[in-house]
């Protein structure tokens, strides 16, 4: 990025959610009439771009005659939505560098102090005053407009599915913080910035990983660290995903009515065991990536959307009977695919299925993450508009050997989920970030020495 005389850069990036900005050239009020350039919009930078930040709004000005100066430059950021009185502001003093950063939390708190509700896009007026060298020189930007969307910083889900952890630990795997200090995995997840843990459940797995006892033990470890918990029922003895939804062996000969009872009984038994351990899950998934239903062929959606809806309903009722306030999720993969979601979610609703949240998966590559992220935002907003449901990315991942681009992808995805209409974008969960040198899986977010990569910095 080239220096030109007196540049003011306002860069609103990534997790802020403040990404919809008009681009203008503005003339300073005084003293020299130099240009002020405002640049922004997450959609406008390429993966190779530089000069942006993941957690702050940067203001800077440079001038050849002051390039090596160490005097103090004081900045006052002022915003207003209607009156332009600029009564609210925060200031920062800097010595030695002619720039400053306002954290997104500071900026967001200003918006909330103005009474702007989370999730609602609003136009605001912004003015920046910089006073250099004890106010001997003052730069004041013209008033300019930005479109911003405040977010709720408290409840946003920053989650990790670490269901493999007990099996990895049993095989001798160790986990380390970025300094190379061995750290217990759940504690490390919290240190990274995750506030939620997702755990999958299988019916009668062999070996026993992800059975009821294994899930209860991991849920308790999560709860003891103050982490929020999501339980993910596969309703299978092993993996259930878009390509396979195999009934548990013990249920193989059952008809639809019997399958509903078995599904409900299994759900109830697992959740009662979790409840007995003193854990209350905040969310429960009834099915995993049920693009074409579950418990095939009986619940295969393209054969019987009604059966699929009945299975979802049986799971919903079982969850609410044990945990009335826990929210129930229907989970479909390929979150960018609006046609799939309209068919699946719309079909469930038209067949009377009950659930609270639409869960989505997203697994892009370096070549397509920008289009996938744009697609999932459009799809989330469409689901909100059509069905009034909250939405969450309950699975995502990226090539572990490309952490720089992974960080770009995740920052962009989080930013987009934060600005879903009506504040109904609940959060983002990374699938098995702790997996390294493990079963050939390459979409974790740890390096080959067992330390988290820079990709996970965005969850701080």
Protein backbone atom coordinates (compact mmCIF):
# COMPACT_ATOMS: atom_id res chain seq x y z
CA UNK A 1 0.00 0.00 0.00
CA UNK A 2 1.68 3.23 -1.15
CA UNK A 3 2.11 6.21 1.17
CA UNK A 4 0.69 9.45 -0.10
CA UNK A 5 0.70 12.71 1.77
CA UNK A 6 -1.71 12.49 4.68
CA UNK A 7 -3.67 9.33 4.11
CA UNK A 8 -6.45 8.37 6.45
CA UNK A 9 -7.28 4.75 6.09
CA UNK A 10 -10.39 3.30 7.60
CA UNK A 11 -10.27 -0.43 7.23
CA UNK A 12 -13.26 -2.29 8.59
CA UNK A 13 -12.38 -5.91 8.46
CA UNK A 14 -13.46 -9.45 9.13
CA UNK A 15 -15.00 -10.22 12.50
CA UNK A 16 -16.34 -6.74 13.02
CA UNK A 17 -19.37 -7.30 10.86
CA UNK A 18 -18.90 -3.67 9.81
CA UNK A 19 -18.12 -4.50 6.23
CA UNK A 20 -20.62 -2.68 4.10
CA UNK A 21 -19.03 0.69 3.46
CA UNK A 22 -19.29 3.35 0.83
CA UNK A 23 -15.98 4.16 -0.81
CA UNK A 24 -15.31 7.86 -1.22
CA UNK A 25 -12.52 10.35 -1.70
CA UNK A 26 -12.94 13.08 0.86
CA UNK A 27 -11.24 16.45 1.19
CA UNK A 28 -9.93 17.43 4.60
CA UNK A 29 -11.32 20.54 6.25
CA UNK A 30 -7.83 21.75 7.28
CA UNK A 31 -5.05 22.56 7.16
CA UNK A 32 -3.71 21.48 3.76
CA UNK A 33 -6.68 20.18 1.84
CA UNK A 34 -5.05 16.82 1.25
CA UNK A 35 -7.13 13.88 0.20
CA UNK A 36 -8.60 11.46 2.70
CA UNK A 37 -9.17 8.03 1.22
CA UNK A 38 -11.69 5.70 2.82
CA UNK A 39 -11.37 2.09 1.72
CA UNK A 40 -13.29 -0.91 2.85
CA UNK A 41 -15.58 -3.85 2.07
CA UNK A 42 -14.55 -7.38 2.81
CA UNK A 43 -15.75 -8.52 -0.59
CA UNK A 44 -13.15 -6.37 -2.32
CA UNK A 45 -9.94 -7.96 -1.12
CA UNK A 46 -8.32 -11.04 -2.59
CA UNK A 47 -6.68 -13.80 -0.52
CA UNK A 48 -3.29 -12.27 -1.29
CA UNK A 49 -4.23 -8.79 -0.11
CA UNK A 50 -2.29 -7.10 2.70
CA UNK A 51 -2.83 -4.21 5.05
CA UNK A 52 -5.94 -5.50 6.83
CA UNK A 53 -6.55 -6.69 10.37
CA UNK A 54 -8.87 -9.29 11.84
CA UNK A 55 -9.86 -7.52 15.00
CA UNK A 56 -9.56 -3.78 14.65
CA UNK A 57 -10.31 -0.63 12.72
CA UNK A 58 -7.13 1.12 11.65
CA UNK A 59 -6.62 4.85 11.16
CA UNK A 60 -3.32 6.14 9.86
CA UNK A 61 -1.73 9.14 8.22
CA UNK A 62 1.74 9.57 6.80
CA UNK A 63 3.74 12.46 5.46
CA UNK A 64 7.31 12.36 4.13
CA UNK A 65 8.51 15.07 6.52
CA UNK A 66 7.15 13.22 9.54
CA UNK A 67 7.91 9.64 8.53
CA UNK A 68 10.52 9.15 11.29
CA UNK A 69 8.88 11.37 13.90
CA UNK A 70 8.21 10.11 17.44
CA UNK A 71 5.79 12.82 18.53
CA UNK A 72 2.35 11.95 19.83
CA UNK A 73 -0.58 11.81 17.49
CA UNK A 74 -3.97 11.77 19.23
CA UNK A 75 -7.01 10.44 17.48
CA UNK A 76 -10.67 10.98 18.28
CA UNK A 77 -13.19 8.76 16.55
CA UNK A 78 -16.71 10.16 16.62
CA UNK A 79 -19.86 8.61 15.23
CA UNK A 80 -23.46 9.74 15.03
CA UNK A 81 -26.55 8.33 13.37
CA UNK A 82 -28.73 11.40 12.92
CA UNK A 83 -27.73 14.72 14.47
CA UNK A 84 -24.07 15.01 13.55
CA UNK A 85 -23.41 16.44 16.99
CA UNK A 86 -20.82 13.70 17.51
CA UNK A 87 -21.47 13.57 21.22
CA UNK A 88 -20.10 10.05 21.52
CA UNK A 89 -16.50 9.17 20.89
CA UNK A 90 -13.41 7.39 22.07
CA UNK A 91 -9.87 8.69 21.91
CA UNK A 92 -6.45 7.14 21.84
CA UNK A 93 -2.97 8.62 22.17
CA UNK A 94 -0.11 7.11 20.20
CA UNK A 95 3.60 7.84 20.38
CA UNK A 96 6.09 6.87 17.73
CA UNK A 97 3.75 5.76 14.95
CA UNK A 98 1.31 7.84 13.01
CA UNK A 99 -1.54 5.38 13.22
CA UNK A 100 -3.89 3.93 15.77
CA UNK A 101 -6.28 1.02 16.06
CA UNK A 102 -9.70 1.01 17.62
CA UNK A 103 -10.73 -2.51 18.56
CA UNK A 104 -13.96 -3.84 17.16
CA UNK A 105 -15.24 -4.15 20.71
CA UNK A 106 -14.72 -0.42 21.24
CA UNK A 107 -16.40 0.47 17.97
CA UNK A 108 -19.25 -1.95 18.57
CA UNK A 109 -19.79 -0.67 22.10
CA UNK A 110 -20.14 2.84 20.70
CA UNK A 111 -22.82 1.66 18.30
CA UNK A 112 -24.67 -0.11 21.07
CA UNK A 113 -24.38 2.97 23.32
CA UNK A 114 -26.18 4.86 20.58
CA UNK A 115 -29.07 2.41 20.91
CA UNK A 116 -28.41 0.53 17.67
CA UNK A 117 -29.73 -3.04 18.08
CA UNK A 118 -27.54 -5.98 17.03
CA UNK A 119 -28.21 -7.38 13.59
CA UNK A 120 -29.81 -4.25 12.12
CA UNK A 121 -27.94 -2.41 9.39
CA UNK A 122 -27.87 1.37 9.85
CA UNK A 123 -26.24 4.35 8.21
CA UNK A 124 -23.95 6.35 10.49
CA UNK A 125 -21.83 9.47 10.16
CA UNK A 126 -18.17 9.18 11.07
CA UNK A 127 -15.56 11.84 11.76
CA UNK A 128 -11.93 11.35 12.76
CA UNK A 129 -9.84 14.12 14.31
CA UNK A 130 -6.09 13.66 14.61
CA UNK A 131 -3.98 16.19 16.49
CA UNK A 132 -0.24 15.98 15.96
CA UNK A 133 2.54 17.20 18.27
CA UNK A 134 0.53 18.67 21.10
CA UNK A 135 -2.24 19.99 18.89
CA UNK A 136 0.04 22.19 16.79
CA UNK A 137 -1.39 20.56 13.70
CA UNK A 138 -4.94 19.24 13.54
CA UNK A 139 -6.44 17.07 10.81
CA UNK A 140 -10.19 16.69 10.67
CA UNK A 141 -11.82 14.42 8.17
CA UNK A 142 -14.99 15.44 6.47
CA UNK A 143 -18.06 13.72 7.79
CA UNK A 144 -18.62 10.55 5.80
CA UNK A 145 -21.18 7.80 5.88
CA UNK A 146 -20.79 4.11 6.56
CA UNK A 147 -23.36 1.33 6.65
CA UNK A 148 -22.72 -0.74 9.75
CA UNK A 149 -24.32 -3.69 11.45
CA UNK A 150 -23.65 -4.02 15.18
CA UNK A 151 -23.29 -7.51 16.54
CA UNK A 152 -23.97 -9.09 19.90
CA UNK A 153 -20.47 -9.84 21.25
CA UNK A 154 -21.60 -11.94 24.21
CA UNK A 155 -23.40 -14.99 22.84
CA UNK A 156 -21.72 -15.54 19.48
CA UNK A 157 -20.82 -19.22 19.19
CA UNK A 158 -17.14 -19.92 18.60
CA UNK A 159 -17.09 -23.68 18.67
CA UNK A 160 -15.01 -26.76 18.00
CA UNK A 161 -16.10 -30.34 17.41
CA UNK A 162 -13.34 -32.31 19.15
CA UNK A 163 -15.07 -35.69 19.30
CA UNK A 164 -11.83 -37.44 18.32
CA UNK A 165 -10.02 -36.17 21.41
CA UNK A 166 -10.52 -39.16 23.72
CA UNK A 167 -9.43 -41.59 21.02
CA UNK A 168 -6.42 -39.43 20.18
CA UNK A 169 -5.44 -39.22 23.85
CA UNK A 170 -5.75 -42.99 24.21
CA UNK A 171 -3.39 -43.42 21.25
CA UNK A 172 -0.79 -41.20 22.92
CA UNK A 173 -1.41 -37.94 21.10
CA UNK A 174 -0.39 -34.79 23.01
CA UNK A 175 -1.51 -31.22 22.45
CA UNK A 176 0.54 -28.06 22.84
CA UNK A 177 -0.06 -24.33 22.97
CA UNK A 178 1.67 -22.02 20.51
CA UNK A 179 4.69 -21.79 22.83
CA UNK A 180 5.09 -25.57 22.74
CA UNK A 181 3.84 -26.21 26.28
CA UNK A 182 1.80 -29.40 26.63
CA UNK A 183 -1.81 -28.46 27.41
CA UNK A 184 -4.91 -30.51 28.08
CA UNK A 185 -7.03 -30.38 24.92
CA UNK A 186 -10.24 -28.90 26.31
CA UNK A 187 -8.26 -26.24 28.20
CA UNK A 188 -6.35 -25.53 25.00
CA UNK A 189 -9.60 -25.04 23.09
CA UNK A 190 -10.66 -22.45 25.65
CA UNK A 191 -7.24 -20.78 25.49
CA UNK A 192 -7.56 -20.54 21.70
CA UNK A 193 -10.86 -18.72 22.15
CA UNK A 194 -13.51 -21.37 21.62
CA UNK A 195 -16.50 -21.07 23.93
CA UNK A 196 -18.45 -24.13 22.76
CA UNK A 197 -17.76 -27.83 22.20
CA UNK A 198 -19.65 -30.13 19.82
CA UNK A 199 -19.72 -33.91 20.41
CA UNK A 200 -21.04 -36.63 18.10
CA UNK A 201 -22.98 -39.65 19.32
CA UNK A 202 -23.11 -43.09 17.73
CA UNK A 203 -25.57 -45.79 18.78
CA UNK A 204 -23.50 -48.98 19.17
CA UNK A 205 -20.04 -48.18 17.82
CA UNK A 206 -17.23 -50.71 17.70
CA UNK A 207 -14.79 -49.69 19.08
CA UNK A 208 -16.70 -47.70 21.66
CA UNK A 209 -15.58 -44.17 20.81
CA UNK A 210 -18.54 -41.77 20.64
CA UNK A 211 -20.83 -44.08 22.58
CA UNK A 212 -22.86 -42.76 25.51
CA UNK A 213 -20.14 -43.14 28.14
CA UNK A 214 -17.49 -41.49 25.95
CA UNK A 215 -19.79 -38.58 25.11
CA UNK A 216 -20.80 -38.05 28.76
CA UNK A 217 -17.15 -37.92 29.85
CA UNK A 218 -16.29 -35.33 27.18
CA UNK A 219 -19.41 -33.28 27.88
CA UNK A 220 -18.44 -33.12 31.55
CA UNK A 221 -14.93 -31.97 30.69
CA UNK A 222 -16.48 -29.22 28.58
CA UNK A 223 -18.91 -28.16 31.29
CA UNK A 224 -16.20 -28.07 33.96
CA UNK A 225 -14.37 -25.43 31.91
CA UNK A 226 -17.48 -23.34 31.43
CA UNK A 227 -17.88 -24.33 27.78
CA UNK A 228 -21.24 -24.52 26.05
CA UNK A 229 -22.13 -27.98 24.73
CA UNK A 230 -23.73 -29.25 21.53
CA UNK A 231 -24.68 -32.93 21.15
CA UNK A 232 -24.77 -34.30 17.60
CA UNK A 233 -26.85 -37.46 17.12
CA UNK A 234 -25.90 -39.44 14.01
CA UNK A 235 -28.51 -42.16 14.58
CA UNK A 236 -26.05 -44.69 13.22
CA UNK A 237 -23.36 -47.01 14.58
CA UNK A 238 -20.75 -44.99 12.69
CA UNK A 239 -20.53 -41.99 10.37
CA UNK A 240 -23.74 -40.49 8.98
CA UNK A 241 -23.27 -37.90 6.25
CA UNK A 242 -24.72 -36.93 2.85
CA UNK A 243 -23.47 -40.14 1.27
CA UNK A 244 -24.68 -42.60 3.90
CA UNK A 245 -27.35 -42.64 6.59
CA UNK A 246 -27.11 -46.27 7.66
CA UNK A 247 -29.51 -47.49 10.32
CA UNK A 248 -27.93 -48.92 13.48
CA UNK A 249 -27.60 -52.68 13.17
CA UNK A 250 -30.03 -53.21 16.04
CA UNK A 251 -32.68 -51.19 14.21
CA UNK A 252 -32.17 -52.73 10.78
CA UNK A 253 -35.44 -54.66 10.56
CA UNK A 254 -37.69 -52.01 12.06
CA UNK A 255 -40.54 -50.18 10.31
CA UNK A 256 -41.13 -46.45 10.52
CA UNK A 257 -43.18 -46.59 13.73
CA UNK A 258 -40.58 -48.76 15.43
CA UNK A 259 -37.73 -46.58 14.21
CA UNK A 260 -39.39 -43.51 15.75
CA UNK A 261 -39.54 -45.28 19.10
CA UNK A 262 -35.91 -46.45 18.86
CA UNK A 263 -34.73 -43.00 17.84
CA UNK A 264 -36.61 -41.35 20.70
CA UNK A 265 -35.43 -43.94 23.23
CA UNK A 266 -31.79 -43.60 22.19
CA UNK A 267 -32.02 -39.79 22.31
CA UNK A 268 -33.65 -39.90 25.73
CA UNK A 269 -31.16 -42.36 27.20
CA UNK A 270 -28.10 -40.44 26.05
CA UNK A 271 -29.47 -37.09 27.23
CA UNK A 272 -30.52 -38.51 30.59
CA UNK A 273 -26.98 -39.79 31.08
CA UNK A 274 -25.63 -36.35 30.24
CA UNK A 275 -28.15 -34.76 32.60
CA UNK A 276 -27.14 -37.13 35.41
CA UNK A 277 -23.56 -35.89 34.99
CA UNK A 278 -24.76 -32.35 35.62
CA UNK A 279 -24.47 -31.11 32.04
CA UNK A 280 -27.20 -29.24 30.15
CA UNK A 281 -26.51 -29.06 26.40
CA UNK A 282 -27.40 -25.76 24.82
CA UNK A 283 -28.10 -27.44 21.49
CA UNK A 284 -28.87 -30.93 20.20
CA UNK A 285 -28.68 -32.01 16.56
CA UNK A 286 -31.23 -34.60 15.47
CA UNK A 287 -29.29 -36.10 12.61
CA UNK A 288 -25.99 -35.23 10.97
CA UNK A 289 -25.79 -33.75 7.48
CA UNK A 290 -29.21 -35.06 6.58
CA UNK A 291 -29.19 -33.68 3.04
CA UNK A 292 -31.44 -36.53 1.93
CA UNK A 293 -32.93 -37.51 5.24
CA UNK A 294 -31.83 -40.12 7.77
CA UNK A 295 -32.24 -43.81 8.62
CA UNK A 296 -32.21 -44.90 4.99
CA UNK A 297 -34.19 -46.06 3.17
CA UNK A 298 -37.19 -45.46 5.42
CA UNK A 299 -36.29 -41.83 6.14
CA UNK A 300 -34.73 -41.06 2.76
CA UNK A 301 -36.18 -37.66 1.98
CA UNK A 302 -36.46 -38.07 -1.79
CA UNK A 303 -38.53 -41.21 -1.16
CA UNK A 304 -40.57 -39.96 1.79
CA UNK A 305 -40.19 -36.44 3.10
CA UNK A 306 -42.99 -37.31 5.53
CA UNK A 307 -40.98 -40.10 7.16
CA UNK A 308 -37.93 -37.86 7.42
CA UNK A 309 -40.06 -35.18 9.09
CA UNK A 310 -41.50 -37.73 11.52
CA UNK A 311 -38.00 -38.83 12.56
CA UNK A 312 -36.96 -35.21 13.14
CA UNK A 313 -40.13 -34.69 15.17
CA UNK A 314 -39.47 -37.77 17.29
CA UNK A 315 -36.00 -36.49 18.07
CA UNK A 316 -37.31 -33.02 18.87
CA UNK A 317 -39.89 -34.34 21.31
CA UNK A 318 -37.31 -36.55 23.04
CA UNK A 319 -34.88 -33.64 23.45
CA UNK A 320 -37.51 -31.30 24.87
CA UNK A 321 -38.75 -33.95 27.31
CA UNK A 322 -35.31 -34.07 28.95
CA UNK A 323 -34.12 -30.49 28.37
CA UNK A 324 -37.08 -28.18 27.62
CA UNK A 325 -34.91 -25.13 26.91
CA UNK A 326 -32.33 -26.87 24.73
CA UNK A 327 -32.56 -25.87 21.07
CA UNK A 328 -32.91 -28.54 18.40
CA UNK A 329 -30.94 -28.33 15.17
CA UNK A 330 -31.50 -29.83 11.72
CA UNK A 331 -28.11 -30.08 10.01
CA UNK A 332 -27.60 -30.00 6.24
CA UNK A 333 -24.24 -29.76 4.46
CA UNK A 334 -23.14 -27.48 1.58
CA UNK A 335 -24.36 -24.30 3.23
CA UNK A 336 -24.00 -22.34 -0.02
CA UNK A 337 -26.60 -24.53 -1.81
CA UNK A 338 -29.86 -22.63 -1.48
CA UNK A 339 -31.76 -25.09 -3.65
CA UNK A 340 -30.85 -27.99 -1.37
CA UNK A 341 -31.86 -26.09 1.75
CA UNK A 342 -35.11 -24.85 0.30
CA UNK A 343 -36.04 -28.41 -0.68
CA UNK A 344 -34.91 -29.98 2.59
CA UNK A 345 -35.92 -27.39 5.19
CA UNK A 346 -39.02 -26.36 3.28
CA UNK A 347 -40.01 -30.00 2.93
CA UNK A 348 -39.60 -30.63 6.64
CA UNK A 349 -41.67 -27.61 7.58
CA UNK A 350 -44.42 -28.40 5.10
CA UNK A 351 -44.58 -31.89 6.63
CA UNK A 352 -44.93 -30.60 10.17
CA UNK A 353 -41.41 -31.17 11.49
CA UNK A 354 -40.46 -29.26 14.64
CA UNK A 355 -36.98 -27.80 15.18
CA UNK A 356 -35.40 -24.53 16.25
CA UNK A 357 -32.18 -23.93 14.29
CA UNK A 358 -30.86 -24.66 10.81
CA UNK A 359 -27.30 -26.00 10.97
CA UNK A 360 -24.95 -25.83 7.99
CA UNK A 361 -21.59 -27.29 6.94
CA UNK A 362 -19.06 -25.48 4.78
CA UNK A 363 -15.78 -26.97 3.54
CA UNK A 364 -14.26 -24.76 0.83
CA UNK A 365 -10.85 -24.58 -0.80
CA UNK A 366 -8.50 -21.68 -1.39
CA UNK A 367 -9.91 -21.38 -4.89
CA UNK A 368 -13.58 -21.05 -3.95
CA UNK A 369 -13.92 -19.84 -0.38
CA UNK A 370 -14.98 -16.32 -1.34
CA UNK A 371 -17.84 -17.60 -3.50
CA UNK A 372 -18.81 -20.22 -0.91
CA UNK A 373 -18.88 -17.60 1.83
CA UNK A 374 -20.98 -15.26 -0.29
CA UNK A 375 -23.30 -18.17 -1.02
CA UNK A 376 -23.73 -19.21 2.58
CA UNK A 377 -24.54 -15.65 3.66
CA UNK A 378 -27.17 -15.38 0.94
CA UNK A 379 -28.56 -18.78 1.91
CA UNK A 380 -28.66 -17.94 5.62
CA UNK A 381 -30.53 -14.73 4.94
CA UNK A 382 -32.95 -16.60 2.70
CA UNK A 383 -33.60 -19.23 5.38
CA UNK A 384 -34.29 -16.43 7.88
CA UNK A 385 -36.65 -14.73 5.45
CA UNK A 386 -38.51 -17.89 4.41
CA UNK A 387 -38.72 -19.78 7.69
CA UNK A 388 -37.80 -17.36 10.49
CA UNK A 389 -35.21 -19.80 11.86
CA UNK A 390 -31.88 -19.06 13.51
CA UNK A 391 -28.88 -20.39 11.58
CA UNK A 392 -25.44 -21.64 12.55
CA UNK A 393 -22.37 -23.05 10.83
CA UNK A 394 -22.02 -26.23 12.88
CA UNK A 395 -19.15 -27.65 10.81
CA UNK A 396 -16.37 -26.06 8.84
CA UNK A 397 -12.78 -26.86 7.98
CA UNK A 398 -9.95 -25.89 5.67
CA UNK A 399 -6.63 -27.33 4.54
CA UNK A 400 -4.40 -27.42 7.62
CA UNK A 401 -1.28 -26.91 5.52
CA UNK A 402 -2.50 -23.49 4.35
CA UNK A 403 -3.14 -21.60 7.60
CA UNK A 404 -2.79 -18.12 6.14
CA UNK A 405 -5.61 -18.61 3.66
CA UNK A 406 -7.57 -20.62 6.24
CA UNK A 407 -7.43 -17.57 8.49
CA UNK A 408 -8.77 -15.38 5.70
CA UNK A 409 -11.58 -17.83 5.04
CA UNK A 410 -12.58 -18.14 8.69
CA UNK A 411 -12.42 -14.42 9.34
CA UNK A 412 -14.61 -13.77 6.34
CA UNK A 413 -17.06 -16.52 7.32
CA UNK A 414 -17.35 -15.27 10.90
CA UNK A 415 -17.92 -11.74 9.66
CA UNK A 416 -20.72 -12.90 7.43
CA UNK A 417 -22.44 -15.00 10.08
CA UNK A 418 -22.34 -12.00 12.42
CA UNK A 419 -24.35 -9.89 9.99
CA UNK A 420 -27.10 -12.36 9.13
CA UNK A 421 -30.41 -10.55 9.08
CA UNK A 422 -32.37 -10.13 12.32
CA UNK A 423 -29.26 -11.15 14.30
CA UNK A 424 -30.14 -14.80 13.62
CA UNK A 425 -26.60 -15.90 12.73
CA UNK A 426 -25.57 -17.72 15.90
CA UNK A 427 -21.96 -18.68 15.27
CA UNK A 428 -19.33 -20.91 13.68
CA UNK A 429 -17.92 -24.28 14.77
CA UNK A 430 -14.68 -25.77 13.44
CA UNK A 431 -14.74 -29.54 12.90
CA UNK A 432 -11.89 -31.42 14.61
CA UNK A 433 -9.32 -28.60 14.66
CA UNK A 434 -7.12 -30.63 17.05
CA UNK A 435 -6.66 -33.46 14.51
CA UNK A 436 -3.04 -33.70 13.40
CA UNK A 437 -1.30 -36.70 11.83
CA UNK A 438 -4.57 -38.49 12.42
CA UNK A 439 -6.38 -40.96 10.16
CA UNK A 440 -5.30 -39.06 7.06
CA UNK A 441 -7.54 -36.10 7.89
CA UNK A 442 -6.14 -32.88 6.43
CA UNK A 443 -8.69 -30.22 7.35
CA UNK A 444 -7.79 -29.69 10.99
CA UNK A 445 -6.07 -26.55 12.24
CA UNK A 446 -3.05 -27.89 14.14
CA UNK A 447 0.43 -28.31 12.70
CA UNK A 448 2.33 -31.59 12.60
CA UNK A 449 3.84 -30.91 16.04
CA UNK A 450 0.45 -30.67 17.76
CA UNK A 451 0.23 -26.88 18.04
CA UNK A 452 -2.63 -24.67 16.78
CA UNK A 453 -1.94 -22.78 13.57
CA UNK A 454 -2.58 -19.09 12.94
CA UNK A 455 -5.87 -20.06 11.28
CA UNK A 456 -7.47 -20.25 14.72
CA UNK A 457 -6.42 -16.72 15.71
CA UNK A 458 -9.80 -15.51 14.47
CA UNK A 459 -11.55 -17.23 17.37
CA UNK A 460 -9.86 -15.01 19.96
